[in-house]
PDB file of N, CA and C in Angstrom:
ATOM      1  N   MET A   1      18.420  20.299  -2.086  1.00  0.00           N
ATOM      2  CA  MET A   1      18.712  18.933  -2.483  1.00  0.00           C
ATOM      3  C   MET A   1      19.119  18.076  -1.327  1.00  0.00           C
ATOM      4  N   SER A   2      19.841  18.646  -0.358  1.00  0.00           N
ATOM      5  CA  SER A   2      20.292  17.859   0.771  1.00  0.00           C
ATOM      6  C   SER A   2      19.058  17.486   1.666  1.00  0.00           C
ATOM      7  N   ASP A   3      18.019  18.368   1.685  1.00  0.00           N
ATOM      8  CA  ASP A   3      16.809  18.037   2.410  1.00  0.00           C
ATOM      9  C   ASP A   3      16.128  16.793   1.856  1.00  0.00           C
ATOM     10  N   ILE A   4      16.096  16.701   0.515  1.00  0.00           N
ATOM     11  CA  ILE A   4      15.464  15.537  -0.113  1.00  0.00           C
ATOM     12  C   ILE A   4      16.264  14.323   0.234  1.00  0.00           C
ATOM     13  N   LYS A   5      17.584  14.405   0.111  1.00  0.00           N
ATOM     14  CA  LYS A   5      18.465  13.250   0.452  1.00  0.00           C
ATOM     15  C   LYS A   5      18.254  12.774   1.875  1.00  0.00           C
ATOM     16  N   SER A   6      18.144  13.685   2.802  1.00  0.00           N
ATOM     17  CA  SER A   6      17.940  13.295   4.205  1.00  0.00           C
ATOM     18  C   SER A   6      16.566  12.676   4.394  1.00  0.00           C
ATOM     19  N   ILE A   7      15.544  13.192   3.744  1.00  0.00           N
ATOM     20  CA  ILE A   7      14.235  12.640   3.823  1.00  0.00           C
ATOM     21  C   ILE A   7      14.203  11.212   3.278  1.00  0.00           C
ATOM     22  N   LEU A   8      14.831  11.031   2.086  1.00  0.00           N
ATOM     23  CA  LEU A   8      14.896   9.705   1.471  1.00  0.00           C
ATOM     24  C   LEU A   8      15.690   8.727   2.353  1.00  0.00           C
ATOM     25  N   ALA A   9      16.762   9.191   2.994  1.00  0.00           N
ATOM     26  CA  ALA A   9      17.517   8.348   3.867  1.00  0.00           C
ATOM     27  C   ALA A   9      16.689   7.890   5.094  1.00  0.00           C
ATOM     28  N   GLU A  10      15.916   8.867   5.599  1.00  0.00           N
ATOM     29  CA  GLU A  10      15.092   8.515   6.743  1.00  0.00           C
ATOM     30  C   GLU A  10      13.944   7.550   6.361  1.00  0.00           C
ATOM     31  N   ARG A  11      13.318   7.786   5.198  1.00  0.00           N
ATOM     32  CA  ARG A  11      12.262   6.907   4.695  1.00  0.00           C
ATOM     33  C   ARG A  11      12.787   5.477   4.441  1.00  0.00           C
ATOM     34  N   GLY A  12      14.033   5.452   3.984  1.00  0.00           N
ATOM     35  CA  GLY A  12      14.675   4.132   3.711  1.00  0.00           C
ATOM     36  C   GLY A  12      14.719   3.279   4.965  1.00  0.00           C
ATOM     37  N   LYS A  13      14.799   3.890   6.090  1.00  0.00           N
ATOM     38  CA  LYS A  13      14.897   3.107   7.345  1.00  0.00           C
ATOM     39  C   LYS A  13      13.544   2.395   7.655  1.00  0.00           C
ATOM     40  N   THR A  14      12.451   3.032   7.298  1.00  0.00           N
ATOM     41  CA  THR A  14      11.127   2.447   7.587  1.00  0.00           C
ATOM     42  C   THR A  14      10.508   1.774   6.399  1.00  0.00           C
ATOM     43  N   HIS A  15      10.844   2.281   5.204  1.00  0.00           N
ATOM     44  CA  HIS A  15      10.194   1.742   3.968  1.00  0.00           C
ATOM     45  C   HIS A  15      11.023   0.803   3.216  1.00  0.00           C
ATOM     46  N   GLY A  16      12.300   0.707   3.508  1.00  0.00           N
ATOM     47  CA  GLY A  16      13.192  -0.197   2.803  1.00  0.00           C
ATOM     48  C   GLY A  16      13.705   0.363   1.533  1.00  0.00           C
ATOM     49  N   ASP A  17      14.518  -0.440   0.832  1.00  0.00           N
ATOM     50  CA  ASP A  17      15.083  -0.064  -0.470  1.00  0.00           C
ATOM     51  C   ASP A  17      13.991   0.151  -1.487  1.00  0.00           C
ATOM     52  N   TYR A  18      14.009   1.281  -2.168  1.00  0.00           N
ATOM     53  CA  TYR A  18      12.909   1.600  -3.055  1.00  0.00           C
ATOM     54  C   TYR A  18      12.706   0.627  -4.173  1.00  0.00           C
ATOM     55  N   ALA A  19      13.804   0.189  -4.768  1.00  0.00           N
ATOM     56  CA  ALA A  19      13.692  -0.724  -5.927  1.00  0.00           C
ATOM     57  C   ALA A  19      13.128  -2.070  -5.507  1.00  0.00           C
ATOM     58  N   ARG A  20      13.502  -2.529  -4.351  1.00  0.00           N
ATOM     59  CA  ARG A  20      12.946  -3.815  -3.861  1.00  0.00           C
ATOM     60  C   ARG A  20      11.490  -3.657  -3.552  1.00  0.00           C
ATOM     61  N   HIS A  21      11.196  -2.549  -2.869  1.00  0.00           N
ATOM     62  CA  HIS A  21       9.798  -2.261  -2.546  1.00  0.00           C
ATOM     63  C   HIS A  21       8.947  -2.177  -3.784  1.00  0.00           C
ATOM     64  N   ALA A  22       9.409  -1.494  -4.779  1.00  0.00           N
ATOM     65  CA  ALA A  22       8.666  -1.317  -6.053  1.00  0.00           C
ATOM     66  C   ALA A  22       8.460  -2.688  -6.712  1.00  0.00           C
ATOM     67  N   GLY A  23       9.414  -3.517  -6.717  1.00  0.00           N
ATOM     68  CA  GLY A  23       9.290  -4.872  -7.315  1.00  0.00           C
ATOM     69  C   GLY A  23       8.276  -5.702  -6.617  1.00  0.00           C
ATOM     70  N   THR A  24       8.325  -5.678  -5.288  1.00  0.00           N
ATOM     71  CA  THR A  24       7.340  -6.435  -4.494  1.00  0.00           C
ATOM     72  C   THR A  24       5.951  -5.922  -4.721  1.00  0.00           C
ATOM     73  N   THR A  25       5.797  -4.618  -4.687  1.00  0.00           N
ATOM     74  CA  THR A  25       4.458  -4.015  -4.811  1.00  0.00           C
ATOM     75  C   THR A  25       3.869  -4.247  -6.215  1.00  0.00           C
ATOM     76  N   GLN A  26       4.695  -4.119  -7.220  1.00  0.00           N
ATOM     77  CA  GLN A  26       4.196  -4.330  -8.585  1.00  0.00           C
ATOM     78  C   GLN A  26       3.792  -5.829  -8.786  1.00  0.00           C
ATOM     79  N   CYS A  27       4.532  -6.714  -8.169  1.00  0.00           N
ATOM     80  CA  CYS A  27       4.137  -8.140  -8.261  1.00  0.00           C
ATOM     81  C   CYS A  27       2.782  -8.412  -7.630  1.00  0.00           C
ATOM     82  N   LEU A  28       2.596  -7.824  -6.429  1.00  0.00           N
ATOM     83  CA  LEU A  28       1.319  -7.963  -5.743  1.00  0.00           C
ATOM     84  C   LEU A  28       0.182  -7.375  -6.561  1.00  0.00           C
ATOM     85  N   LYS A  29       0.392  -6.189  -7.097  1.00  0.00           N
ATOM     86  CA  LYS A  29      -0.657  -5.552  -7.873  1.00  0.00           C
ATOM     87  C   LYS A  29      -0.985  -6.338  -9.172  1.00  0.00           C
ATOM     88  N   SER A  30       0.045  -6.937  -9.764  1.00  0.00           N
ATOM     89  CA  SER A  30      -0.191  -7.754 -10.946  1.00  0.00           C
ATOM     90  C   SER A  30      -1.038  -8.944 -10.621  1.00  0.00           C
ATOM     91  N   VAL A  31      -0.814  -9.612  -9.511  1.00  0.00           N
ATOM     92  CA  VAL A  31      -1.632 -10.729  -9.091  1.00  0.00           C
ATOM     93  C   VAL A  31      -3.071 -10.285  -8.879  1.00  0.00           C
ATOM     94  N   MET A  32      -3.255  -9.149  -8.236  1.00  0.00           N
ATOM     95  CA  MET A  32      -4.560  -8.625  -7.964  1.00  0.00           C
ATOM     96  C   MET A  32      -5.328  -8.329  -9.245  1.00  0.00           C
ATOM     97  N   ARG A  33      -4.664  -7.712 -10.162  1.00  0.00           N
ATOM     98  CA  ARG A  33      -5.309  -7.306 -11.449  1.00  0.00           C
ATOM     99  C   ARG A  33      -5.711  -8.519 -12.326  1.00  0.00           C
ATOM    100  N   HIS A  34      -5.135  -9.672 -12.070  1.00  0.00           N
ATOM    101  CA  HIS A  34      -5.445 -10.831 -12.862  1.00  0.00           C
ATOM    102  C   HIS A  34      -6.410 -11.841 -12.112  1.00  0.00           C
ATOM    103  N   THR A  35      -7.196 -11.250 -11.187  1.00  0.00           N
ATOM    104  CA  THR A  35      -8.155 -12.114 -10.519  1.00  0.00           C
ATOM    105  C   THR A  35      -9.543 -11.935 -11.132  1.00  0.00           C
ATOM    106  N   GLN A  36     -10.378 -12.860 -10.842  1.00  0.00           N
ATOM    107  CA  GLN A  36     -11.753 -12.880 -11.415  1.00  0.00           C
ATOM    108  C   GLN A  36     -12.541 -11.629 -11.179  1.00  0.00           C
ATOM    109  N   ASN A  37     -12.488 -11.077  -9.965  1.00  0.00           N
ATOM    110  CA  ASN A  37     -13.343  -9.987  -9.584  1.00  0.00           C
ATOM    111  C   ASN A  37     -12.795  -8.599  -9.757  1.00  0.00           C
ATOM    112  N   TRP A  38     -11.515  -8.483 -10.224  1.00  0.00           N
ATOM    113  CA  TRP A  38     -10.896  -7.162 -10.299  1.00  0.00           C
ATOM    114  C   TRP A  38     -11.717  -6.167 -11.123  1.00  0.00           C
ATOM    115  N   GLY A  39     -12.256  -6.649 -12.207  1.00  0.00           N
ATOM    116  CA  GLY A  39     -13.039  -5.741 -13.057  1.00  0.00           C
ATOM    117  C   GLY A  39     -14.409  -5.336 -12.485  1.00  0.00           C
ATOM    118  N   GLU A  40     -14.823  -6.023 -11.438  1.00  0.00           N
ATOM    119  CA  GLU A  40     -16.116  -5.703 -10.808  1.00  0.00           C
ATOM    120  C   GLU A  40     -15.965  -4.683  -9.690  1.00  0.00           C
ATOM    121  N   LEU A  41     -14.727  -4.342  -9.300  1.00  0.00           N
ATOM    122  CA  LEU A  41     -14.526  -3.455  -8.224  1.00  0.00           C
ATOM    123  C   LEU A  41     -14.641  -1.971  -8.691  1.00  0.00           C
ATOM    124  N   GLY A  42     -15.069  -1.123  -7.753  1.00  0.00           N
ATOM    125  CA  GLY A  42     -15.177   0.316  -8.047  1.00  0.00           C
ATOM    126  C   GLY A  42     -13.828   0.945  -7.828  1.00  0.00           C
ATOM    127  N   PRO A  43     -13.677   2.205  -8.286  1.00  0.00           N
ATOM    128  CA  PRO A  43     -12.463   2.928  -8.118  1.00  0.00           C
ATOM    129  C   PRO A  43     -11.897   3.004  -6.678  1.00  0.00           C
ATOM    130  N   SER A  44     -12.782   3.200  -5.751  1.00  0.00           N
ATOM    131  CA  SER A  44     -12.312   3.316  -4.344  1.00  0.00           C
ATOM    132  C   SER A  44     -11.800   1.939  -3.864  1.00  0.00           C
ATOM    133  N   GLN A  45     -12.461   0.850  -4.311  1.00  0.00           N
ATOM    134  CA  GLN A  45     -11.978  -0.439  -3.911  1.00  0.00           C
ATOM    135  C   GLN A  45     -10.647  -0.819  -4.523  1.00  0.00           C
ATOM    136  N   THR A  46     -10.506  -0.520  -5.789  1.00  0.00           N
ATOM    137  CA  THR A  46      -9.228  -0.859  -6.439  1.00  0.00           C
ATOM    138  C   THR A  46      -8.105  -0.001  -5.899  1.00  0.00           C
ATOM    139  N   GLU A  47      -8.375   1.276  -5.658  1.00  0.00           N
ATOM    140  CA  GLU A  47      -7.375   2.152  -5.068  1.00  0.00           C
ATOM    141  C   GLU A  47      -6.965   1.708  -3.697  1.00  0.00           C
ATOM    142  N   ALA A  48      -7.962   1.328  -2.861  1.00  0.00           N
ATOM    143  CA  ALA A  48      -7.658   0.857  -1.542  1.00  0.00           C
ATOM    144  C   ALA A  48      -6.812  -0.377  -1.569  1.00  0.00           C
ATOM    145  N   LEU A  49      -7.147  -1.321  -2.454  1.00  0.00           N
ATOM    146  CA  LEU A  49      -6.362  -2.550  -2.525  1.00  0.00           C
ATOM    147  C   LEU A  49      -4.916  -2.299  -3.056  1.00  0.00           C
ATOM    148  N   GLU A  50      -4.829  -1.343  -4.017  1.00  0.00           N
ATOM    149  CA  GLU A  50      -3.470  -1.019  -4.467  1.00  0.00           C
ATOM    150  C   GLU A  50      -2.640  -0.339  -3.386  1.00  0.00           C
ATOM    151  N   MET A  51      -3.272   0.530  -2.607  1.00  0.00           N
ATOM    152  CA  MET A  51      -2.525   1.167  -1.484  1.00  0.00           C
ATOM    153  C   MET A  51      -2.166   0.119  -0.399  1.00  0.00           C
ATOM    154  N   ILE A  52      -3.052  -0.847  -0.156  1.00  0.00           N
ATOM    155  CA  ILE A  52      -2.750  -1.880   0.758  1.00  0.00           C
ATOM    156  C   ILE A  52      -1.607  -2.712   0.306  1.00  0.00           C
ATOM    157  N   ALA A  53      -1.539  -2.974  -1.034  1.00  0.00           N
ATOM    158  CA  ALA A  53      -0.379  -3.732  -1.622  1.00  0.00           C
ATOM    159  C   ALA A  53       0.886  -2.900  -1.397  1.00  0.00           C
ATOM    160  N   HIS A  54       0.778  -1.574  -1.571  1.00  0.00           N
ATOM    161  CA  HIS A  54       1.883  -0.690  -1.401  1.00  0.00           C
ATOM    162  C   HIS A  54       2.407  -0.790   0.097  1.00  0.00           C
ATOM    163  N   LYS A  55       1.503  -0.741   1.029  1.00  0.00           N
ATOM    164  CA  LYS A  55       1.873  -0.862   2.412  1.00  0.00           C
ATOM    165  C   LYS A  55       2.458  -2.197   2.750  1.00  0.00           C
ATOM    166  N   ILE A  56       1.881  -3.246   2.155  1.00  0.00           N
ATOM    167  CA  ILE A  56       2.446  -4.603   2.351  1.00  0.00           C
ATOM    168  C   ILE A  56       3.893  -4.667   1.863  1.00  0.00           C
ATOM    169  N   GLY A  57       4.104  -4.012   0.681  1.00  0.00           N
ATOM    170  CA  GLY A  57       5.504  -3.944   0.176  1.00  0.00           C
ATOM    171  C   GLY A  57       6.431  -3.260   1.113  1.00  0.00           C
ATOM    172  N   ARG A  58       5.970  -2.234   1.781  1.00  0.00           N
ATOM    173  CA  ARG A  58       6.820  -1.561   2.776  1.00  0.00           C
ATOM    174  C   ARG A  58       7.094  -2.465   4.007  1.00  0.00           C
ATOM    175  N   ILE A  59       6.073  -3.186   4.407  1.00  0.00           N
ATOM    176  CA  ILE A  59       6.257  -4.078   5.539  1.00  0.00           C
ATOM    177  C   ILE A  59       7.290  -5.165   5.205  1.00  0.00           C
ATOM    178  N   LEU A  60       7.161  -5.711   3.994  1.00  0.00           N
ATOM    179  CA  LEU A  60       8.016  -6.838   3.611  1.00  0.00           C
ATOM    180  C   LEU A  60       9.440  -6.395   3.295  1.00  0.00           C
ATOM    181  N   ASN A  61       9.609  -5.144   2.943  1.00  0.00           N
ATOM    182  CA  ASN A  61      10.974  -4.691   2.540  1.00  0.00           C
ATOM    183  C   ASN A  61      11.594  -3.671   3.538  1.00  0.00           C
ATOM    184  N   GLY A  62      10.789  -3.106   4.398  1.00  0.00           N
ATOM    185  CA  GLY A  62      11.266  -2.099   5.312  1.00  0.00           C
ATOM    186  C   GLY A  62      11.197  -2.633   6.745  1.00  0.00           C
ATOM    187  N   ASP A  63      10.779  -1.762   7.640  1.00  0.00           N
ATOM    188  CA  ASP A  63      10.695  -2.077   9.046  1.00  0.00           C
ATOM    189  C   ASP A  63       9.289  -2.666   9.336  1.00  0.00           C
ATOM    190  N   PRO A  64       9.214  -3.982   9.573  1.00  0.00           N
ATOM    191  CA  PRO A  64       7.933  -4.560   9.781  1.00  0.00           C
ATOM    192  C   PRO A  64       7.257  -4.180  11.119  1.00  0.00           C
ATOM    193  N   ASP A  65       8.060  -3.552  11.964  1.00  0.00           N
ATOM    194  CA  ASP A  65       7.500  -3.099  13.298  1.00  0.00           C
ATOM    195  C   ASP A  65       7.086  -1.645  13.294  1.00  0.00           C
ATOM    196  N   HIS A  66       7.146  -1.002  12.128  1.00  0.00           N
ATOM    197  CA  HIS A  66       6.736   0.402  12.007  1.00  0.00           C
ATOM    198  C   HIS A  66       5.196   0.422  12.073  1.00  0.00           C
ATOM    199  N   VAL A  67       4.633   0.916  13.131  1.00  0.00           N
ATOM    200  CA  VAL A  67       3.240   0.880  13.421  1.00  0.00           C
ATOM    201  C   VAL A  67       2.369   1.540  12.318  1.00  0.00           C
ATOM    202  N   ASP A  68       2.897   2.653  11.744  1.00  0.00           N
ATOM    203  CA  ASP A  68       2.141   3.384  10.731  1.00  0.00           C
ATOM    204  C   ASP A  68       1.776   2.470   9.508  1.00  0.00           C
ATOM    205  N   HIS A  69       2.728   1.560   9.172  1.00  0.00           N
ATOM    206  CA  HIS A  69       2.353   0.656   8.040  1.00  0.00           C
ATOM    207  C   HIS A  69       1.064  -0.107   8.361  1.00  0.00           C
ATOM    208  N   TRP A  70       0.985  -0.622   9.571  1.00  0.00           N
ATOM    209  CA  TRP A  70      -0.203  -1.436   9.949  1.00  0.00           C
ATOM    210  C   TRP A  70      -1.445  -0.605  10.085  1.00  0.00           C
ATOM    211  N   LEU A  71      -1.240   0.615  10.621  1.00  0.00           N
ATOM    212  CA  LEU A  71      -2.458   1.494  10.733  1.00  0.00           C
ATOM    213  C   LEU A  71      -2.995   1.891   9.353  1.00  0.00           C
ATOM    214  N   ASP A  72      -2.086   2.095   8.404  1.00  0.00           N
ATOM    215  CA  ASP A  72      -2.495   2.484   7.067  1.00  0.00           C
ATOM    216  C   ASP A  72      -3.350   1.342   6.452  1.00  0.00           C
ATOM    217  N   LEU A  73      -2.938   0.092   6.649  1.00  0.00           N
ATOM    218  CA  LEU A  73      -3.724  -1.037   6.156  1.00  0.00           C
ATOM    219  C   LEU A  73      -5.153  -0.953   6.676  1.00  0.00           C
ATOM    220  N   CYS A  74      -5.280  -0.674   7.941  1.00  0.00           N
ATOM    221  CA  CYS A  74      -6.641  -0.588   8.542  1.00  0.00           C
ATOM    222  C   CYS A  74      -7.391   0.649   7.947  1.00  0.00           C
ATOM    223  N   GLY A  75      -6.668   1.713   7.773  1.00  0.00           N
ATOM    224  CA  GLY A  75      -7.280   3.004   7.331  1.00  0.00           C
ATOM    225  C   GLY A  75      -7.868   2.801   5.929  1.00  0.00           C
ATOM    226  N   TYR A  76      -7.142   2.217   5.005  1.00  0.00           N
ATOM    227  CA  TYR A  76      -7.664   2.037   3.647  1.00  0.00           C
ATOM    228  C   TYR A  76      -8.846   1.070   3.619  1.00  0.00           C
ATOM    229  N   SER A  77      -8.788   0.070   4.414  1.00  0.00           N
ATOM    230  CA  SER A  77      -9.942  -0.856   4.535  1.00  0.00           C
ATOM    231  C   SER A  77     -11.137  -0.154   5.087  1.00  0.00           C
ATOM    232  N   MET A  78     -10.980   0.712   6.092  1.00  0.00           N
ATOM    233  CA  MET A  78     -12.111   1.411   6.656  1.00  0.00           C
ATOM    234  C   MET A  78     -12.698   2.366   5.701  1.00  0.00           C
ATOM    235  N   LEU A  79     -11.891   2.986   4.850  1.00  0.00           N
ATOM    236  CA  LEU A  79     -12.469   3.928   3.860  1.00  0.00           C
ATOM    237  C   LEU A  79     -13.446   3.180   2.930  1.00  0.00           C
ATOM    238  N   VAL A  80     -13.113   1.997   2.531  1.00  0.00           N
ATOM    239  CA  VAL A  80     -14.036   1.202   1.712  1.00  0.00           C
ATOM    240  C   VAL A  80     -15.279   0.840   2.506  1.00  0.00           C
ATOM    241  N   VAL A  81     -15.025   0.338   3.787  1.00  0.00           N
ATOM    242  CA  VAL A  81     -16.207  -0.035   4.583  1.00  0.00           C
ATOM    243  C   VAL A  81     -17.183   1.132   4.721  1.00  0.00           C
ATOM    244  N   GLU A  82     -16.672   2.286   4.983  1.00  0.00           N
ATOM    245  CA  GLU A  82     -17.531   3.497   5.148  1.00  0.00           C
ATOM    246  C   GLU A  82     -18.295   3.768   3.856  1.00  0.00           C
ATOM    247  N   GLU A  83     -17.624   3.672   2.732  1.00  0.00           N
ATOM    248  CA  GLU A  83     -18.284   3.923   1.463  1.00  0.00           C
ATOM    249  C   GLU A  83     -19.382   2.897   1.193  1.00  0.00           C
ATOM    250  N   LEU A  84     -19.071   1.601   1.477  1.00  0.00           N
ATOM    251  CA  LEU A  84     -20.094   0.569   1.254  1.00  0.00           C
ATOM    252  C   LEU A  84     -21.277   0.769   2.152  1.00  0.00           C
ATOM    253  N   ARG A  85     -21.086   1.169   3.384  1.00  0.00           N
ATOM    254  CA  ARG A  85     -22.159   1.416   4.288  1.00  0.00           C
ATOM    255  C   ARG A  85     -23.053   2.560   3.861  1.00  0.00           C
ATOM    256  N   LYS A  86     -22.475   3.566   3.245  1.00  0.00           N
ATOM    257  CA  LYS A  86     -23.212   4.725   2.757  1.00  0.00           C
ATOM    258  C   LYS A  86     -24.109   4.346   1.633  1.00  0.00           C
ATOM    259  N   ARG A  87     -23.666   3.331   0.821  1.00  0.00           N
ATOM    260  CA  ARG A  87     -24.493   2.889  -0.321  1.00  0.00           C
ATOM    261  C   ARG A  87     -25.791   2.201   0.118  1.00  0.00           C
ATOM    262  N   LYS A  88     -25.755   1.613   1.317  1.00  0.00           N
ATOM    263  CA  LYS A  88     -26.936   0.817   1.762  1.00  0.00           C
ATOM    264  C   LYS A  88     -27.979   1.646   2.462  1.00  0.00           C
TER     265      LYS A  88
END
């Protein structure tokens, strides 16, 4: 149990307070789900956008200078780009 507590404490430094992060992320996802094209997106696209919202929540509530947050944004976008290129 102490391992979990130390991991959570460490994550809190980069990811911020969990409740605040969750609130921000859920607001972003709600806005996305209520847009015109949300229903037109495929599973990979919706998942990537939801993960990007998750990472944005971390940036806004945690350490905005944590490089991994920014790399993850690029990574999820590139997964969709690669999938779209394979379709053509």
